[in-house]
Amino acid sequence: MTPTPKAQLLGSLEEQVMLAVVRTGSNAYGMNVRRELETVTGRSITIGSVYATLDRLEAKGLVESWRSPAAEASVSRRLFTVTSAGARSLALTRDTRDRLWNGVTVRSLGLSH
């Protein structure tokens, strides 16, 4: 029996890719994840970077993928979903980031706005 992966802190791109998987739901295939990232962040990202990150996350047990049946356009897609370990990792990362930001203000960063 394979042990359940532990929750782990995510890198920034890992967190963003996983959140894009969650946001795209049942349509979480590579190009849709990329589009969601670009729409929400305003940042351009290559499809290769998205797939490399998804592959790394899958190797860690934080997302899983499967092939969809061929749709009407005869295209089979590799779909992704966040695993329970992935959800715990997202929560841990957010909690850690929130604790780090607690007490930090824009003014303490030396910015006026």
PDB file of N, CA and C in Angstrom:
ATOM      1  N   MET A   1       0.842  -1.182   0.000  1.00  0.00           N
ATOM      2  CA  MET A   1       0.000   0.000   0.000  1.00  0.00           C
ATOM      3  C   MET A   1       0.886   1.244   0.000  1.00  0.00           C
ATOM      4  N   THR A   2       0.597   2.196  -0.887  1.00  0.00           N
ATOM      5  CA  THR A   2       1.377   3.419  -1.014  1.00  0.00           C
ATOM      6  C   THR A   2       0.985   4.394   0.092  1.00  0.00           C
ATOM      7  N   PRO A   3       1.982   4.952   0.806  1.00  0.00           N
ATOM      8  CA  PRO A   3       1.648   5.903   1.864  1.00  0.00           C
ATOM      9  C   PRO A   3       1.057   7.186   1.281  1.00  0.00           C
ATOM     10  N   THR A   4       0.165   7.813   2.042  1.00  0.00           N
ATOM     11  CA  THR A   4      -0.437   9.075   1.632  1.00  0.00           C
ATOM     12  C   THR A   4       0.615  10.172   1.723  1.00  0.00           C
ATOM     13  N   PRO A   5       0.767  10.964   0.636  1.00  0.00           N
ATOM     14  CA  PRO A   5       1.749  12.053   0.687  1.00  0.00           C
ATOM     15  C   PRO A   5       1.388  13.061   1.773  1.00  0.00           C
ATOM     16  N   LYS A   6       2.431  13.612   2.405  1.00  0.00           N
ATOM     17  CA  LYS A   6       2.229  14.631   3.430  1.00  0.00           C
ATOM     18  C   LYS A   6       1.979  15.979   2.780  1.00  0.00           C
ATOM     19  N   ALA A   7       1.302  16.854   3.521  1.00  0.00           N
ATOM     20  CA  ALA A   7       1.147  18.234   3.073  1.00  0.00           C
ATOM     21  C   ALA A   7       2.523  18.876   3.065  1.00  0.00           C
ATOM     22  N   GLN A   8       2.773  19.708   2.075  1.00  0.00           N
ATOM     23  CA  GLN A   8       4.069  20.366   1.960  1.00  0.00           C
ATOM     24  C   GLN A   8       3.883  21.777   1.440  1.00  0.00           C
ATOM     25  N   LEU A   9       4.829  22.637   1.798  1.00  0.00           N
ATOM     26  CA  LEU A   9       4.789  24.006   1.303  1.00  0.00           C
ATOM     27  C   LEU A   9       5.035  24.003  -0.198  1.00  0.00           C
ATOM     28  N   LEU A  10       4.277  24.813  -0.900  1.00  0.00           N
ATOM     29  CA  LEU A  10       4.370  24.892  -2.347  1.00  0.00           C
ATOM     30  C   LEU A  10       5.148  26.124  -2.772  1.00  0.00           C
ATOM     31  N   GLY A  11       5.833  26.014  -3.886  1.00  0.00           N
ATOM     32  CA  GLY A  11       6.436  27.188  -4.500  1.00  0.00           C
ATOM     33  C   GLY A  11       5.338  28.039  -5.119  1.00  0.00           C
ATOM     34  N   SER A  12       5.666  29.254  -5.460  1.00  0.00           N
ATOM     35  CA  SER A  12       4.680  30.193  -5.996  1.00  0.00           C
ATOM     36  C   SER A  12       4.001  29.656  -7.253  1.00  0.00           C
ATOM     37  N   LEU A  13       4.765  29.175  -8.221  1.00  0.00           N
ATOM     38  CA  LEU A  13       4.158  28.672  -9.451  1.00  0.00           C
ATOM     39  C   LEU A  13       3.353  27.405  -9.183  1.00  0.00           C
ATOM     40  N   GLU A  14       3.854  26.538  -8.306  1.00  0.00           N
ATOM     41  CA  GLU A  14       3.091  25.333  -7.949  1.00  0.00           C
ATOM     42  C   GLU A  14       1.735  25.713  -7.370  1.00  0.00           C
ATOM     43  N   GLU A  15       1.735  26.666  -6.464  1.00  0.00           N
ATOM     44  CA  GLU A  15       0.484  27.118  -5.850  1.00  0.00           C
ATOM     45  C   GLU A  15      -0.458  27.685  -6.912  1.00  0.00           C
ATOM     46  N   GLN A  16       0.064  28.526  -7.787  1.00  0.00           N
ATOM     47  CA  GLN A  16      -0.775  29.135  -8.813  1.00  0.00           C
ATOM     48  C   GLN A  16      -1.341  28.099  -9.773  1.00  0.00           C
ATOM     49  N   VAL A  17      -0.534  27.135 -10.187  1.00  0.00           N
ATOM     50  CA  VAL A  17      -1.005  26.096 -11.096  1.00  0.00           C
ATOM     51  C   VAL A  17      -2.082  25.256 -10.414  1.00  0.00           C
ATOM     52  N   MET A  18      -1.867  24.880  -9.165  1.00  0.00           N
ATOM     53  CA  MET A  18      -2.873  24.082  -8.457  1.00  0.00           C
ATOM     54  C   MET A  18      -4.177  24.856  -8.293  1.00  0.00           C
ATOM     55  N   LEU A  19      -4.084  26.132  -7.982  1.00  0.00           N
ATOM     56  CA  LEU A  19      -5.299  26.941  -7.853  1.00  0.00           C
ATOM     57  C   LEU A  19      -6.017  27.064  -9.198  1.00  0.00           C
ATOM     58  N   ALA A  20      -5.264  27.151 -10.291  1.00  0.00           N
ATOM     59  CA  ALA A  20      -5.874  27.201 -11.619  1.00  0.00           C
ATOM     60  C   ALA A  20      -6.562  25.872 -11.936  1.00  0.00           C
ATOM     61  N   VAL A  21      -5.993  24.762 -11.483  1.00  0.00           N
ATOM     62  CA  VAL A  21      -6.648  23.455 -11.651  1.00  0.00           C
ATOM     63  C   VAL A  21      -7.977  23.462 -10.909  1.00  0.00           C
ATOM     64  N   VAL A  22      -7.977  23.941  -9.680  1.00  0.00           N
ATOM     65  CA  VAL A  22      -9.217  24.002  -8.895  1.00  0.00           C
ATOM     66  C   VAL A  22     -10.234  24.905  -9.595  1.00  0.00           C
ATOM     67  N   ARG A  23      -9.794  26.070 -10.044  1.00  0.00           N
ATOM     68  CA  ARG A  23     -10.688  27.050 -10.663  1.00  0.00           C
ATOM     69  C   ARG A  23     -11.303  26.542 -11.967  1.00  0.00           C
ATOM     70  N   THR A  24     -10.560  25.725 -12.733  1.00  0.00           N
ATOM     71  CA  THR A  24     -11.084  25.232 -14.004  1.00  0.00           C
ATOM     72  C   THR A  24     -11.897  23.952 -13.850  1.00  0.00           C
ATOM     73  N   GLY A  25     -11.888  23.360 -12.662  1.00  0.00           N
ATOM     74  CA  GLY A  25     -12.764  22.232 -12.346  1.00  0.00           C
ATOM     75  C   GLY A  25     -12.619  21.059 -13.296  1.00  0.00           C
ATOM     76  N   SER A  26     -13.748  20.621 -13.847  1.00  0.00           N
ATOM     77  CA  SER A  26     -13.741  19.426 -14.695  1.00  0.00           C
ATOM     78  C   SER A  26     -13.095  19.680 -16.059  1.00  0.00           C
ATOM     79  N   ASN A  27     -12.746  20.924 -16.349  1.00  0.00           N
ATOM     80  CA  ASN A  27     -12.051  21.272 -17.592  1.00  0.00           C
ATOM     81  C   ASN A  27     -10.583  21.573 -17.350  1.00  0.00           C
ATOM     82  N   ALA A  28      -9.992  20.965 -16.335  1.00  0.00           N
ATOM     83  CA  ALA A  28      -8.600  21.259 -15.955  1.00  0.00           C
ATOM     84  C   ALA A  28      -7.620  20.456 -16.804  1.00  0.00           C
ATOM     85  N   TYR A  29      -7.476  20.871 -18.055  1.00  0.00           N
ATOM     86  CA  TYR A  29      -6.432  20.313 -18.910  1.00  0.00           C
ATOM     87  C   TYR A  29      -5.413  21.422 -19.149  1.00  0.00           C
ATOM     88  N   GLY A  30      -4.238  21.073 -19.613  1.00  0.00           N
ATOM     89  CA  GLY A  30      -3.110  21.987 -19.669  1.00  0.00           C
ATOM     90  C   GLY A  30      -3.393  23.366 -20.228  1.00  0.00           C
ATOM     91  N   MET A  31      -3.983  23.442 -21.418  1.00  0.00           N
ATOM     92  CA  MET A  31      -4.205  24.744 -22.044  1.00  0.00           C
ATOM     93  C   MET A  31      -5.223  25.568 -21.258  1.00  0.00           C
ATOM     94  N   ASN A  32      -6.230  24.941 -20.695  1.00  0.00           N
ATOM     95  CA  ASN A  32      -7.207  25.680 -19.876  1.00  0.00           C
ATOM     96  C   ASN A  32      -6.562  26.211 -18.598  1.00  0.00           C
ATOM     97  N   VAL A  33      -5.694  25.405 -17.992  1.00  0.00           N
ATOM     98  CA  VAL A  33      -4.972  25.851 -16.795  1.00  0.00           C
ATOM     99  C   VAL A  33      -4.104  27.051 -17.157  1.00  0.00           C
ATOM    100  N   ARG A  34      -3.423  26.977 -18.281  1.00  0.00           N
ATOM    101  CA  ARG A  34      -2.584  28.094 -18.751  1.00  0.00           C
ATOM    102  C   ARG A  34      -3.421  29.353 -18.964  1.00  0.00           C
ATOM    103  N   ARG A  35      -4.548  29.219 -19.638  1.00  0.00           N
ATOM    104  CA  ARG A  35      -5.423  30.380 -19.889  1.00  0.00           C
ATOM    105  C   ARG A  35      -5.904  30.998 -18.581  1.00  0.00           C
ATOM    106  N   GLU A  36      -6.277  30.156 -17.645  1.00  0.00           N
ATOM    107  CA  GLU A  36      -6.757  30.661 -16.344  1.00  0.00           C
ATOM    108  C   GLU A  36      -5.657  31.437 -15.631  1.00  0.00           C
ATOM    109  N   LEU A  37      -4.451  30.902 -15.647  1.00  0.00           N
ATOM    110  CA  LEU A  37      -3.317  31.597 -15.031  1.00  0.00           C
ATOM    111  C   LEU A  37      -3.085  32.958 -15.678  1.00  0.00           C
ATOM    112  N   GLU A  38      -3.090  32.979 -16.994  1.00  0.00           N
ATOM    113  CA  GLU A  38      -2.850  34.244 -17.690  1.00  0.00           C
ATOM    114  C   GLU A  38      -3.968  35.251 -17.448  1.00  0.00           C
ATOM    115  N   THR A  39      -5.206  34.778 -17.414  1.00  0.00           N
ATOM    116  CA  THR A  39      -6.346  35.666 -17.176  1.00  0.00           C
ATOM    117  C   THR A  39      -6.296  36.272 -15.783  1.00  0.00           C
ATOM    118  N   VAL A  40      -6.053  35.449 -14.789  1.00  0.00           N
ATOM    119  CA  VAL A  40      -6.101  35.912 -13.398  1.00  0.00           C
ATOM    120  C   VAL A  40      -4.854  36.695 -13.010  1.00  0.00           C
ATOM    121  N   THR A  41      -3.679  36.226 -13.445  1.00  0.00           N
ATOM    122  CA  THR A  41      -2.442  36.876 -13.004  1.00  0.00           C
ATOM    123  C   THR A  41      -1.955  37.964 -13.954  1.00  0.00           C
ATOM    124  N   GLY A  42      -2.421  37.935 -15.196  1.00  0.00           N
ATOM    125  CA  GLY A  42      -1.923  38.876 -16.181  1.00  0.00           C
ATOM    126  C   GLY A  42      -0.502  38.558 -16.621  1.00  0.00           C
ATOM    127  N   ARG A  43      -0.045  37.389 -16.254  1.00  0.00           N
ATOM    128  CA  ARG A  43       1.323  36.952 -16.523  1.00  0.00           C
ATOM    129  C   ARG A  43       1.317  35.921 -17.648  1.00  0.00           C
ATOM    130  N   SER A  44       2.225  36.080 -18.600  1.00  0.00           N
ATOM    131  CA  SER A  44       2.351  35.122 -19.686  1.00  0.00           C
ATOM    132  C   SER A  44       3.145  33.915 -19.193  1.00  0.00           C
ATOM    133  N   ILE A  45       2.675  32.730 -19.531  1.00  0.00           N
ATOM    134  CA  ILE A  45       3.353  31.502 -19.114  1.00  0.00           C
ATOM    135  C   ILE A  45       3.307  30.510 -20.263  1.00  0.00           C
ATOM    136  N   THR A  46       4.383  29.813 -20.473  1.00  0.00           N
ATOM    137  CA  THR A  46       4.414  28.843 -21.575  1.00  0.00           C
ATOM    138  C   THR A  46       3.677  27.572 -21.172  1.00  0.00           C
ATOM    139  N   ILE A  47       3.138  26.902 -22.175  1.00  0.00           N
ATOM    140  CA  ILE A  47       2.448  25.646 -21.905  1.00  0.00           C
ATOM    141  C   ILE A  47       3.425  24.610 -21.364  1.00  0.00           C
ATOM    142  N   GLY A  48       4.681  24.686 -21.806  1.00  0.00           N
ATOM    143  CA  GLY A  48       5.705  23.766 -21.289  1.00  0.00           C
ATOM    144  C   GLY A  48       5.925  23.932 -19.799  1.00  0.00           C
ATOM    145  N   SER A  49       5.906  25.176 -19.316  1.00  0.00           N
ATOM    146  CA  SER A  49       6.056  25.437 -17.877  1.00  0.00           C
ATOM    147  C   SER A  49       4.870  24.893 -17.092  1.00  0.00           C
ATOM    148  N   VAL A  50       3.687  25.023 -17.675  1.00  0.00           N
ATOM    149  CA  VAL A  50       2.483  24.498 -17.012  1.00  0.00           C
ATOM    150  C   VAL A  50       2.582  22.983 -16.892  1.00  0.00           C
ATOM    151  N   TYR A  51       2.912  22.314 -18.001  1.00  0.00           N
ATOM    152  CA  TYR A  51       2.996  20.850 -17.955  1.00  0.00           C
ATOM    153  C   TYR A  51       4.141  20.358 -17.080  1.00  0.00           C
ATOM    154  N   ALA A  52       5.270  21.040 -17.101  1.00  0.00           N
ATOM    155  CA  ALA A  52       6.388  20.640 -16.234  1.00  0.00           C
ATOM    156  C   ALA A  52       5.972  20.743 -14.766  1.00  0.00           C
ATOM    157  N   THR A  53       5.246  21.803 -14.433  1.00  0.00           N
ATOM    158  CA  THR A  53       4.784  21.977 -13.051  1.00  0.00           C
ATOM    159  C   THR A  53       3.743  20.928 -12.700  1.00  0.00           C
ATOM    160  N   LEU A  54       2.799  20.669 -13.600  1.00  0.00           N
ATOM    161  CA  LEU A  54       1.785  19.634 -13.346  1.00  0.00           C
ATOM    162  C   LEU A  54       2.433  18.261 -13.187  1.00  0.00           C
ATOM    163  N   ASP A  55       3.421  17.955 -14.006  1.00  0.00           N
ATOM    164  CA  ASP A  55       4.123  16.662 -13.885  1.00  0.00           C
ATOM    165  C   ASP A  55       4.838  16.550 -12.543  1.00  0.00           C
ATOM    166  N   ARG A  56       5.486  17.637 -12.112  1.00  0.00           N
ATOM    167  CA  ARG A  56       6.182  17.650 -10.817  1.00  0.00           C
ATOM    168  C   ARG A  56       5.179  17.462  -9.673  1.00  0.00           C
ATOM    169  N   LEU A  57       4.049  18.166  -9.753  1.00  0.00           N
ATOM    170  CA  LEU A  57       3.017  18.047  -8.717  1.00  0.00           C
ATOM    171  C   LEU A  57       2.431  16.635  -8.687  1.00  0.00           C
ATOM    172  N   GLU A  58       2.281  16.035  -9.849  1.00  0.00           N
ATOM    173  CA  GLU A  58       1.758  14.668  -9.895  1.00  0.00           C
ATOM    174  C   GLU A  58       2.770  13.693  -9.290  1.00  0.00           C
ATOM    175  N   ALA A  59       4.053  13.892  -9.560  1.00  0.00           N
ATOM    176  CA  ALA A  59       5.088  13.026  -8.981  1.00  0.00           C
ATOM    177  C   ALA A  59       5.098  13.125  -7.458  1.00  0.00           C
ATOM    178  N   LYS A  60       4.720  14.291  -6.927  1.00  0.00           N
ATOM    179  CA  LYS A  60       4.651  14.496  -5.471  1.00  0.00           C
ATOM    180  C   LYS A  60       3.333  13.989  -4.885  1.00  0.00           C
ATOM    181  N   GLY A  61       2.392  13.573  -5.729  1.00  0.00           N
ATOM    182  CA  GLY A  61       1.098  13.088  -5.255  1.00  0.00           C
ATOM    183  C   GLY A  61       0.118  14.205  -4.914  1.00  0.00           C
ATOM    184  N   LEU A  62       0.359  15.411  -5.438  1.00  0.00           N
ATOM    185  CA  LEU A  62      -0.489  16.559  -5.098  1.00  0.00           C
ATOM    186  C   LEU A  62      -1.580  16.817  -6.126  1.00  0.00           C
ATOM    187  N   VAL A  63      -1.382  16.325  -7.342  1.00  0.00           N
ATOM    188  CA  VAL A  63      -2.434  16.304  -8.357  1.00  0.00           C
ATOM    189  C   VAL A  63      -2.407  14.919  -8.986  1.00  0.00           C
ATOM    190  N   GLU A  64      -3.491  14.574  -9.639  1.00  0.00           N
ATOM    191  CA  GLU A  64      -3.513  13.338 -10.410  1.00  0.00           C
ATOM    192  C   GLU A  64      -4.137  13.635 -11.755  1.00  0.00           C
ATOM    193  N   SER A  65      -3.812  12.813 -12.736  1.00  0.00           N
ATOM    194  CA  SER A  65      -4.330  13.039 -14.079  1.00  0.00           C
ATOM    195  C   SER A  65      -4.878  11.748 -14.650  1.00  0.00           C
ATOM    196  N   TRP A  66      -5.687  11.899 -15.691  1.00  0.00           N
ATOM    197  CA  TRP A  66      -6.242  10.787 -16.437  1.00  0.00           C
ATOM    198  C   TRP A  66      -6.587  11.299 -17.824  1.00  0.00           C
ATOM    199  N   ARG A  67      -6.732  10.380 -18.727  1.00  0.00           N
ATOM    200  CA  ARG A  67      -7.106  10.719 -20.100  1.00  0.00           C
ATOM    201  C   ARG A  67      -8.618  10.717 -20.216  1.00  0.00           C
ATOM    202  N   SER A  68      -9.150  11.800 -20.774  1.00  0.00           N
ATOM    203  CA  SER A  68     -10.592  11.862 -21.019  1.00  0.00           C
ATOM    204  C   SER A  68     -10.905  11.016 -22.245  1.00  0.00           C
ATOM    205  N   PRO A  69     -12.138  10.543 -22.336  1.00  0.00           N
ATOM    206  CA  PRO A  69     -12.522   9.888 -23.590  1.00  0.00           C
ATOM    207  C   PRO A  69     -12.514  10.933 -24.710  1.00  0.00           C
ATOM    208  N   ALA A  70     -12.301  10.504 -25.929  1.00  0.00           N
ATOM    209  CA  ALA A  70     -12.293  11.444 -27.052  1.00  0.00           C
ATOM    210  C   ALA A  70     -13.643  12.151 -27.117  1.00  0.00           C
ATOM    211  N   ALA A  71     -13.593  13.467 -27.174  1.00  0.00           N
ATOM    212  CA  ALA A  71     -14.814  14.271 -27.246  1.00  0.00           C
ATOM    213  C   ALA A  71     -15.301  14.326 -28.686  1.00  0.00           C
ATOM    214  N   GLU A  72     -16.285  15.158 -28.925  1.00  0.00           N
ATOM    215  CA  GLU A  72     -16.845  15.260 -30.273  1.00  0.00           C
ATOM    216  C   GLU A  72     -15.798  15.641 -31.317  1.00  0.00           C
ATOM    217  N   ALA A  73     -14.773  16.373 -30.916  1.00  0.00           N
ATOM    218  CA  ALA A  73     -13.709  16.758 -31.850  1.00  0.00           C
ATOM    219  C   ALA A  73     -12.641  15.659 -31.957  1.00  0.00           C
ATOM    220  N   SER A  74     -12.908  14.491 -31.408  1.00  0.00           N
ATOM    221  CA  SER A  74     -11.989  13.351 -31.428  1.00  0.00           C
ATOM    222  C   SER A  74     -10.669  13.653 -30.734  1.00  0.00           C
ATOM    223  N   VAL A  75     -10.714  14.480 -29.719  1.00  0.00           N
ATOM    224  CA  VAL A  75      -9.505  14.846 -28.987  1.00  0.00           C
ATOM    225  C   VAL A  75      -9.608  14.294 -27.571  1.00  0.00           C
ATOM    226  N   SER A  76      -8.617  13.505 -27.199  1.00  0.00           N
ATOM    227  CA  SER A  76      -8.523  13.033 -25.825  1.00  0.00           C
ATOM    228  C   SER A  76      -7.620  13.998 -25.070  1.00  0.00           C
ATOM    229  N   ARG A  77      -8.057  14.426 -23.907  1.00  0.00           N
ATOM    230  CA  ARG A  77      -7.268  15.382 -23.131  1.00  0.00           C
ATOM    231  C   ARG A  77      -6.810  14.748 -21.828  1.00  0.00           C
ATOM    232  N   ARG A  78      -5.672  15.215 -21.357  1.00  0.00           N
ATOM    233  CA  ARG A  78      -5.163  14.818 -20.047  1.00  0.00           C
ATOM    234  C   ARG A  78      -5.743  15.809 -19.040  1.00  0.00           C
ATOM    235  N   LEU A  79      -6.618  15.332 -18.186  1.00  0.00           N
ATOM    236  CA  LEU A  79      -7.291  16.158 -17.191  1.00  0.00           C
ATOM    237  C   LEU A  79      -6.623  15.995 -15.840  1.00  0.00           C
ATOM    238  N   PHE A  80      -6.671  17.048 -15.037  1.00  0.00           N
ATOM    239  CA  PHE A  80      -6.021  17.067 -13.727  1.00  0.00           C
ATOM    240  C   PHE A  80      -7.017  17.407 -12.634  1.00  0.00           C
ATOM    241  N   THR A  81      -6.731  16.887 -11.468  1.00  0.00           N
ATOM    242  CA  THR A  81      -7.485  17.251 -10.268  1.00  0.00           C
ATOM    243  C   THR A  81      -6.516  17.289  -9.097  1.00  0.00           C
ATOM    244  N   VAL A  82      -6.853  18.091  -8.104  1.00  0.00           N
ATOM    245  CA  VAL A  82      -6.039  18.196  -6.894  1.00  0.00           C
ATOM    246  C   VAL A  82      -6.406  17.037  -5.973  1.00  0.00           C
ATOM    247  N   THR A  83      -5.417  16.354  -5.456  1.00  0.00           N
ATOM    248  CA  THR A  83      -5.648  15.253  -4.512  1.00  0.00           C
ATOM    249  C   THR A  83      -5.898  15.819  -3.110  1.00  0.00           C
ATOM    250  N   SER A  84      -6.245  14.956  -2.181  1.00  0.00           N
ATOM    251  CA  SER A  84      -6.441  15.417  -0.794  1.00  0.00           C
ATOM    252  C   SER A  84      -5.126  15.940  -0.222  1.00  0.00           C
ATOM    253  N   ALA A  85      -3.993  15.307  -0.566  1.00  0.00           N
ATOM    254  CA  ALA A  85      -2.688  15.817  -0.115  1.00  0.00           C
ATOM    255  C   ALA A  85      -2.414  17.178  -0.749  1.00  0.00           C
ATOM    256  N   GLY A  86      -2.845  17.361  -1.990  1.00  0.00           N
ATOM    257  CA  GLY A  86      -2.693  18.643  -2.651  1.00  0.00           C
ATOM    258  C   GLY A  86      -3.524  19.728  -1.985  1.00  0.00           C
ATOM    259  N   ALA A  87      -4.749  19.387  -1.604  1.00  0.00           N
ATOM    260  CA  ALA A  87      -5.610  20.349  -0.906  1.00  0.00           C
ATOM    261  C   ALA A  87      -4.997  20.734   0.440  1.00  0.00           C
ATOM    262  N   ARG A  88      -4.445  19.754   1.149  1.00  0.00           N
ATOM    263  CA  ARG A  88      -3.785  20.054   2.423  1.00  0.00           C
ATOM    264  C   ARG A  88      -2.553  20.926   2.206  1.00  0.00           C
ATOM    265  N   SER A  89      -1.830  20.689   1.117  1.00  0.00           N
ATOM    266  CA  SER A  89      -0.648  21.499   0.805  1.00  0.00           C
ATOM    267  C   SER A  89      -1.036  22.938   0.458  1.00  0.00           C
ATOM    268  N   LEU A  90      -2.131  23.101  -0.274  1.00  0.00           N
ATOM    269  CA  LEU A  90      -2.622  24.448  -0.572  1.00  0.00           C
ATOM    270  C   LEU A  90      -2.983  25.177   0.726  1.00  0.00           C
ATOM    271  N   ALA A  91      -3.682  24.489   1.620  1.00  0.00           N
ATOM    272  CA  ALA A  91      -4.077  25.109   2.890  1.00  0.00           C
ATOM    273  C   ALA A  91      -2.848  25.459   3.732  1.00  0.00           C
ATOM    274  N   LEU A  92      -1.886  24.557   3.813  1.00  0.00           N
ATOM    275  CA  LEU A  92      -0.662  24.807   4.569  1.00  0.00           C
ATOM    276  C   LEU A  92       0.087  26.003   3.992  1.00  0.00           C
ATOM    277  N   THR A  93       0.202  26.069   2.684  1.00  0.00           N
ATOM    278  CA  THR A  93       0.905  27.171   2.028  1.00  0.00           C
ATOM    279  C   THR A  93       0.207  28.495   2.302  1.00  0.00           C
ATOM    280  N   ARG A  94      -1.119  28.510   2.194  1.00  0.00           N
ATOM    281  CA  ARG A  94      -1.874  29.739   2.456  1.00  0.00           C
ATOM    282  C   ARG A  94      -1.739  30.157   3.921  1.00  0.00           C
ATOM    283  N   ASP A  95      -1.887  29.211   4.827  1.00  0.00           N
ATOM    284  CA  ASP A  95      -1.760  29.524   6.260  1.00  0.00           C
ATOM    285  C   ASP A  95      -0.375  30.072   6.586  1.00  0.00           C
ATOM    286  N   THR A  96       0.644  29.467   6.027  1.00  0.00           N
ATOM    287  CA  THR A  96       2.020  29.919   6.267  1.00  0.00           C
ATOM    288  C   THR A  96       2.223  31.328   5.714  1.00  0.00           C
ATOM    289  N   ARG A  97       1.751  31.555   4.494  1.00  0.00           N
ATOM    290  CA  ARG A  97       1.874  32.883   3.883  1.00  0.00           C
ATOM    291  C   ARG A  97       1.116  33.924   4.702  1.00  0.00           C
ATOM    292  N   ASP A  98      -0.093  33.585   5.158  1.00  0.00           N
ATOM    293  CA  ASP A  98      -0.882  34.523   5.973  1.00  0.00           C
ATOM    294  C   ASP A  98      -0.181  34.849   7.291  1.00  0.00           C
ATOM    295  N   ARG A  99       0.433  33.840   7.914  1.00  0.00           N
ATOM    296  CA  ARG A  99       1.169  34.094   9.165  1.00  0.00           C
ATOM    297  C   ARG A  99       2.361  35.004   8.916  1.00  0.00           C
ATOM    298  N   LEU A 100       3.049  34.816   7.806  1.00  0.00           N
ATOM    299  CA  LEU A 100       4.181  35.677   7.472  1.00  0.00           C
ATOM    300  C   LEU A 100       3.729  37.124   7.227  1.00  0.00           C
ATOM    301  N   TRP A 101       2.586  37.293   6.599  1.00  0.00           N
ATOM    302  CA  TRP A 101       2.074  38.634   6.312  1.00  0.00           C
ATOM    303  C   TRP A 101       1.451  39.297   7.538  1.00  0.00           C
ATOM    304  N   ASN A 102       1.083  38.519   8.551  1.00  0.00           N
ATOM    305  CA  ASN A 102       0.457  39.079   9.743  1.00  0.00           C
ATOM    306  C   ASN A 102       1.370  40.132  10.370  1.00  0.00           C
ATOM    307  N   GLY A 103       0.878  41.346  10.508  1.00  0.00           N
ATOM    308  CA  GLY A 103       1.640  42.429  11.108  1.00  0.00           C
ATOM    309  C   GLY A 103       2.462  43.232  10.122  1.00  0.00           C
ATOM    310  N   VAL A 104       2.527  42.785   8.871  1.00  0.00           N
ATOM    311  CA  VAL A 104       3.264  43.536   7.856  1.00  0.00           C
ATOM    312  C   VAL A 104       2.281  44.466   7.156  1.00  0.00           C
ATOM    313  N   THR A 105       2.661  45.729   7.067  1.00  0.00           N
ATOM    314  CA  THR A 105       1.832  46.698   6.363  1.00  0.00           C
ATOM    315  C   THR A 105       2.622  47.270   5.195  1.00  0.00           C
ATOM    316  N   VAL A 106       1.918  47.908   4.303  1.00  0.00           N
ATOM    317  CA  VAL A 106       2.577  48.553   3.171  1.00  0.00           C
ATOM    318  C   VAL A 106       3.569  49.584   3.692  1.00  0.00           C
ATOM    319  N   ARG A 107       3.182  50.283   4.734  1.00  0.00           N
ATOM    320  CA  ARG A 107       4.063  51.306   5.316  1.00  0.00           C
ATOM    321  C   ARG A 107       5.345  50.671   5.849  1.00  0.00           C
ATOM    322  N   SER A 108       5.254  49.484   6.474  1.00  0.00           N
ATOM    323  CA  SER A 108       6.460  48.862   7.018  1.00  0.00           C
ATOM    324  C   SER A 108       7.388  48.377   5.908  1.00  0.00           C
ATOM    325  N   LEU A 109       6.875  48.271   4.694  1.00  0.00           N
ATOM    326  CA  LEU A 109       7.705  47.907   3.555  1.00  0.00           C
ATOM    327  C   LEU A 109       8.416  49.110   2.959  1.00  0.00           C
ATOM    328  N   GLY A 110       8.122  50.300   3.494  1.00  0.00           N
ATOM    329  CA  GLY A 110       8.745  51.505   2.999  1.00  0.00           C
ATOM    330  C   GLY A 110       8.009  52.110   1.808  1.00  0.00           C
ATOM    331  N   LEU A 111       6.780  51.675   1.601  1.00  0.00           N
ATOM    332  CA  LEU A 111       5.975  52.205   0.497  1.00  0.00           C
ATOM    333  C   LEU A 111       4.899  53.127   1.067  1.00  0.00           C
ATOM    334  N   SER A 112       4.508  54.106   0.299  1.00  0.00           N
ATOM    335  CA  SER A 112       3.525  55.056   0.807  1.00  0.00           C
ATOM    336  C   SER A 112       2.088  54.645   0.473  1.00  0.00           C
ATOM    337  N   HIS A 113       1.886  53.736  -0.449  1.00  0.00           N
ATOM    338  CA  HIS A 113       0.509  53.337  -0.798  1.00  0.00           C
ATOM    339  C   HIS A 113       0.297  51.901  -0.532  1.00  0.00           C
TER     340      HIS A 113
END
